[in-house]
Amino acid sequence: MALEVLIFDVDGTLANTEKDGHLVAFNLAFKELALDWEWSNELYHKLLNVTGGQLRIKYYLKKYKSDFQHHDLDNFVASIHKLKTNIYVRLMDEGAVSLRPGVERLFNEARATGLRMAIATTTTPANVDALIANTLGKKALDWFEVIGAGDVVPNLKPAGDIYTYVLKAMNIDADKCLAFEDSYNGIISATQAGLKTLITVNEYTDTHEFEGACAILSNLGESDQPFEIIKGNSTESTFVDVAYLQELHAQHC
C-alpha cells in the first residue's frame, strides 16, 4: 500500500512541550492555588508514564501525597487541570515553545506532495490549538484533516483508541498511514491501531523501549542538521523528508 496519511502525536513529538510548557504550567497552577506541591524535572520524568493531566495529578497524590484529602477530589483535580491548561495556553501565546527540528519543513513538504495529515494526542484540544497557532499560525490548524485530542475517546494512550478514532474519521486503512511518536505509551497506542511508527526521542523518552518501530531517530533533522539513527535500517537520507517516509513505510516493520 502506498503512503497516503501522516498522523502526528503532539507533546514531545512536534515540540518539547513537556519541559518548557506543561511542567511549567503545572507548577504555576499549584502556586496560584497555594498548594505546597512542586514538580521537579526528575519527578515529572516519572509522572509522564501516566497519560492525561488529571490522571497524572491523581497518581501524584496517591504516590507522593497519600495524606492529602479532599471531599470532592475529582472536581478539585479537574479545576487544577483547567487552570493549568489556561496557563499553558498563555505560555504558548508568549512563545515559550518552538517546534522541534524538521517539523515545519516536513509539514510543508507533505502538503506540497499531497499527503494527508492528522493529529492523534491525549492532550486537550486547547493545548493543540495553542501550540500550532503560535508556532505556525492559526491557518495551519486547517492543514490537519482530523485533530483527535483530549477525551474524544474513552481510553487514553497507551490504548489505541485515539488512533482508531482518527483512522475512522479519515476513512483510511492503517496500512496506508505512518504515525509519529516519541514515547513507549505512544508506540503501544499506534501499534494497537495497526500503524507503522517513526519515533523521535527526547530527554524524557530516550530510554524507552520501542519494539516494532520502523525507525528510532534523534529528531526529524534538517539539511544542515542531520538526524542520528538510534535504531533502524541505514539510509542515504540525513533528514526526514517525504522520500524517506515512503522508503520507511515500504519496509516490513
Protein backbone atom coordinates (compact mmCIF):
# COMPACT_ATOMS: atom_id res chain seq x y z
CA MET A 1 0.00 0.00 0.00
CA ALA A 2 1.28 3.46 -0.86
CA LEU A 3 1.73 6.00 1.91
CA GLU A 4 -1.19 8.44 1.99
CA VAL A 5 -1.51 9.79 5.54
CA LEU A 6 0.82 11.08 8.26
CA ILE A 7 -0.56 11.06 11.82
CA PHE A 8 1.31 13.04 14.45
CA ASP A 9 1.43 12.88 18.22
CA VAL A 10 1.97 16.34 19.75
CA ASP A 11 3.72 16.60 23.12
CA GLY A 12 7.36 15.62 22.80
CA THR A 13 6.94 14.78 19.11
CA LEU A 14 6.18 18.12 17.48
CA ALA A 15 7.76 20.20 20.24
CA ASN A 16 9.41 19.82 23.62
CA THR A 17 6.21 20.96 25.27
CA GLU A 18 6.55 18.78 28.35
CA LYS A 19 9.51 20.50 29.99
CA ASP A 20 9.04 24.02 28.64
CA GLY A 21 5.25 24.10 28.69
CA HIS A 22 3.31 21.54 30.71
CA LEU A 23 5.72 21.21 33.63
CA VAL A 24 5.98 24.98 33.99
CA ALA A 25 2.19 25.33 33.77
CA PHE A 26 1.55 22.65 36.39
CA ASN A 27 3.87 24.33 38.87
CA LEU A 28 2.42 27.79 38.23
CA ALA A 29 -1.09 26.38 38.76
CA PHE A 30 -0.05 24.77 42.04
CA LYS A 31 1.47 28.05 43.18
CA GLU A 32 -1.59 30.09 42.21
CA LEU A 33 -3.78 27.71 44.22
CA ALA A 34 -1.42 27.94 47.21
CA LEU A 35 -0.65 24.23 47.08
CA ASP A 36 2.68 23.14 48.52
CA TRP A 37 3.38 20.95 45.50
CA GLU A 38 6.31 21.46 43.17
CA TRP A 39 7.25 19.03 40.44
CA SER A 40 10.93 18.81 39.62
CA ASN A 41 12.08 17.81 36.15
CA GLU A 42 13.23 14.49 37.62
CA LEU A 43 9.83 13.82 39.20
CA TYR A 44 8.00 14.86 36.06
CA HIS A 45 10.05 12.33 34.12
CA LYS A 46 8.40 9.64 36.26
CA LEU A 47 4.93 11.18 36.17
CA LEU A 48 4.92 11.17 32.37
CA ASN A 49 4.42 7.42 32.48
CA VAL A 50 0.81 8.34 33.25
CA THR A 51 -1.02 9.84 30.27
CA GLY A 52 -3.56 12.60 30.77
CA GLY A 53 -3.07 15.58 33.08
CA GLN A 54 -5.86 14.80 35.53
CA LEU A 55 -4.78 11.17 35.86
CA ARG A 56 -1.21 12.37 36.35
CA ILE A 57 -2.26 14.61 39.26
CA LYS A 58 -4.22 11.78 40.87
CA TYR A 59 -1.27 9.43 40.51
CA TYR A 60 0.98 12.05 42.10
CA LEU A 61 -1.35 12.39 45.07
CA LYS A 62 -1.59 8.64 45.54
CA LYS A 63 2.14 8.05 45.19
CA TYR A 64 3.68 11.13 46.79
CA LYS A 65 0.93 12.88 48.80
CA SER A 66 -1.03 9.96 50.23
CA ASP A 67 -2.10 12.03 53.25
CA PHE A 68 -3.83 14.63 51.06
CA GLN A 69 -7.62 14.62 51.45
CA HIS A 70 -10.38 16.45 49.60
CA HIS A 71 -14.14 15.99 49.85
CA ASP A 72 -14.59 16.16 46.06
CA LEU A 73 -11.29 15.04 44.59
CA ASP A 74 -12.50 14.58 41.01
CA ASN A 75 -13.79 18.13 40.66
CA PHE A 76 -10.82 19.54 42.56
CA VAL A 77 -8.36 17.85 40.22
CA ALA A 78 -10.41 18.95 37.22
CA SER A 79 -10.24 22.56 38.41
CA ILE A 80 -6.46 22.35 38.81
CA HIS A 81 -6.12 20.92 35.34
CA LYS A 82 -8.36 23.61 33.84
CA LEU A 83 -6.20 26.33 35.41
CA LYS A 84 -3.06 24.56 34.23
CA THR A 85 -4.43 24.44 30.66
CA ASN A 86 -5.19 28.17 30.75
CA ILE A 87 -1.65 28.86 31.93
CA TYR A 88 -0.21 26.56 29.25
CA VAL A 89 -2.11 28.42 26.53
CA ARG A 90 -0.76 31.71 27.90
CA LEU A 91 2.78 30.34 27.80
CA MET A 92 2.27 29.32 24.17
CA ASP A 93 0.94 32.80 23.39
CA GLU A 94 4.16 34.18 24.88
CA GLY A 95 6.26 31.98 22.58
CA ALA A 96 7.59 29.69 25.29
CA VAL A 97 7.95 26.68 22.97
CA SER A 98 9.23 26.22 19.43
CA LEU A 99 8.80 23.24 17.11
CA ARG A 100 11.43 20.51 17.02
CA PRO A 101 13.92 20.40 14.13
CA GLY A 102 12.37 19.43 10.82
CA VAL A 103 8.73 19.58 11.88
CA GLU A 104 7.65 22.69 9.98
CA ARG A 105 9.67 21.68 6.93
CA LEU A 106 8.08 18.23 6.86
CA PHE A 107 4.59 19.69 7.20
CA ASN A 108 5.21 21.91 4.19
CA GLU A 109 6.68 19.08 2.12
CA ALA A 110 3.81 16.76 2.98
CA ARG A 111 1.27 19.37 1.91
CA ALA A 112 3.17 20.07 -1.32
CA THR A 113 3.17 16.38 -2.26
CA GLY A 114 -0.49 15.80 -1.39
CA LEU A 115 -0.05 13.68 1.74
CA ARG A 116 -2.95 13.99 4.14
CA MET A 117 -2.15 14.87 7.76
CA ALA A 118 -3.84 14.36 11.12
CA ILE A 119 -3.13 14.62 14.84
CA ALA A 120 -3.67 11.92 17.47
CA THR A 121 -2.89 13.04 21.01
CA THR A 122 -4.09 12.74 24.59
CA THR A 123 -3.54 16.43 25.33
CA THR A 124 -6.50 18.80 25.25
CA PRO A 125 -7.72 20.46 22.03
CA ALA A 126 -6.89 23.86 23.55
CA ASN A 127 -3.27 22.81 24.01
CA VAL A 128 -3.02 21.61 20.41
CA ASP A 129 -4.57 24.80 19.07
CA ALA A 130 -2.24 26.95 21.15
CA LEU A 131 0.92 25.17 20.02
CA ILE A 132 0.03 25.12 16.32
CA ALA A 133 -1.36 28.66 16.19
CA ASN A 134 1.62 30.18 17.97
CA THR A 135 4.30 28.33 16.00
CA LEU A 136 2.75 28.11 12.53
CA GLY A 137 -0.20 30.49 12.60
CA LYS A 138 -3.90 29.82 13.08
CA LYS A 139 -4.39 28.87 9.43
CA ALA A 140 -2.07 25.89 9.98
CA LEU A 141 -4.79 24.18 12.02
CA ASP A 142 -6.53 23.58 8.69
CA TRP A 143 -3.53 21.56 7.48
CA PHE A 144 -4.77 18.65 9.60
CA GLU A 145 -7.78 16.82 8.26
CA VAL A 146 -8.61 15.45 11.72
CA ILE A 147 -7.38 16.58 15.13
CA GLY A 148 -8.02 13.77 17.59
CA ALA A 149 -7.35 15.22 21.02
CA GLY A 150 -8.40 15.05 24.64
CA ASP A 151 -11.34 12.98 25.79
CA VAL A 152 -12.97 12.30 22.41
CA VAL A 153 -12.24 8.62 23.14
CA PRO A 154 -12.90 6.66 26.35
CA ASN A 155 -9.35 5.37 26.82
CA LEU A 156 -6.17 7.44 26.58
CA LYS A 157 -2.81 6.18 25.31
CA PRO A 158 -1.40 3.50 25.57
CA ALA A 159 -4.83 2.33 24.37
CA GLY A 160 -5.15 2.57 20.60
CA ASP A 161 -8.50 4.40 20.76
CA ILE A 162 -7.28 7.82 19.61
CA TYR A 163 -5.59 6.41 16.53
CA THR A 164 -8.60 4.26 15.70
CA TYR A 165 -10.75 7.39 16.04
CA VAL A 166 -8.56 9.28 13.57
CA LEU A 167 -8.45 6.41 11.07
CA LYS A 168 -12.24 6.10 11.15
CA ALA A 169 -12.74 9.86 10.80
CA MET A 170 -10.44 9.91 7.77
CA ASN A 171 -11.95 6.73 6.31
CA ILE A 172 -8.46 5.33 5.75
CA ASP A 173 -6.84 1.95 6.37
CA ALA A 174 -3.96 1.79 8.83
CA ASP A 175 -1.62 0.25 6.26
CA LYS A 176 -1.73 3.47 4.21
CA CYS A 177 -0.57 5.57 7.16
CA LEU A 178 2.53 6.35 9.20
CA ALA A 179 2.42 7.51 12.82
CA PHE A 180 4.94 9.82 14.52
CA GLU A 181 5.52 9.24 18.23
CA ASP A 182 8.09 9.87 20.95
CA SER A 183 7.16 7.58 23.85
CA TYR A 184 6.52 4.00 24.90
CA ASN A 185 2.84 4.73 25.53
CA GLY A 186 2.66 6.34 22.12
CA ILE A 187 4.05 3.44 20.12
CA ILE A 188 1.87 0.96 22.02
CA SER A 189 -1.16 3.07 21.10
CA ALA A 190 -0.19 3.35 17.43
CA THR A 191 0.69 -0.33 17.20
CA GLN A 192 -2.66 -1.36 18.69
CA ALA A 193 -4.31 0.56 15.87
CA GLY A 194 -2.19 -1.29 13.31
CA LEU A 195 0.06 1.63 12.37
CA LYS A 196 3.69 1.66 11.35
CA THR A 197 5.52 4.15 13.54
CA LEU A 198 8.50 6.50 13.35
CA ILE A 199 9.94 7.50 16.73
CA THR A 200 11.80 10.73 17.51
CA VAL A 201 13.03 10.60 21.10
CA ASN A 202 13.53 13.41 23.60
CA GLU A 203 15.09 13.74 27.04
CA TYR A 204 12.10 12.12 28.72
CA THR A 205 11.86 9.14 26.38
CA ASP A 206 15.36 8.31 25.17
CA THR A 207 15.46 5.26 27.47
CA HIS A 208 12.02 3.91 26.48
CA GLU A 209 11.53 0.61 24.70
CA PHE A 210 10.18 0.96 21.16
CA GLU A 211 9.65 -2.57 19.95
CA GLY A 212 8.18 -2.62 16.48
CA ALA A 213 9.22 0.91 15.49
CA CYS A 214 10.19 1.32 11.84
CA ALA A 215 13.00 3.63 12.98
CA ILE A 216 14.10 5.50 16.09
CA LEU A 217 15.70 8.87 15.39
CA SER A 218 17.08 11.74 17.45
CA ASN A 219 14.76 14.13 15.58
CA LEU A 220 13.46 14.74 12.06
CA GLY A 221 16.61 16.62 11.12
CA GLU A 222 17.30 19.44 8.70
CA SER A 223 19.54 19.65 5.64
CA ASP A 224 22.24 21.24 7.80
CA GLN A 225 21.34 19.30 10.96
CA PRO A 226 21.28 15.55 10.21
CA PHE A 227 19.32 13.17 12.37
CA GLU A 228 21.00 10.39 14.32
CA ILE A 229 19.71 6.87 13.68
CA ILE A 230 19.32 5.25 17.09
CA LYS A 231 17.70 2.13 15.67
CA GLY A 232 16.67 1.20 12.16
CA ASN A 233 17.97 0.43 8.70
CA SER A 234 20.74 2.57 7.26
CA THR A 235 19.65 5.14 4.69
CA GLU A 236 21.18 7.71 2.40
CA SER A 237 18.79 10.29 3.89
CA THR A 238 20.16 12.65 6.52
CA PHE A 239 16.83 14.27 7.37
CA VAL A 240 13.23 13.10 7.24
CA ASP A 241 11.52 14.12 4.04
CA VAL A 242 8.66 12.58 2.08
CA ALA A 243 11.00 10.31 0.10
CA TYR A 244 12.46 8.93 3.33
CA LEU A 245 8.98 8.35 4.75
CA GLN A 246 7.94 6.46 1.63
CA GLU A 247 11.09 4.35 1.95
CA LEU A 248 10.35 3.69 5.60
CA HIS A 249 6.68 2.88 5.01
CA ALA A 250 7.61 0.29 2.39
CA GLN A 251 9.69 -1.63 4.92
CA HIS A 252 8.39 -4.61 6.88
CA CYS A 253 8.34 -3.26 10.43
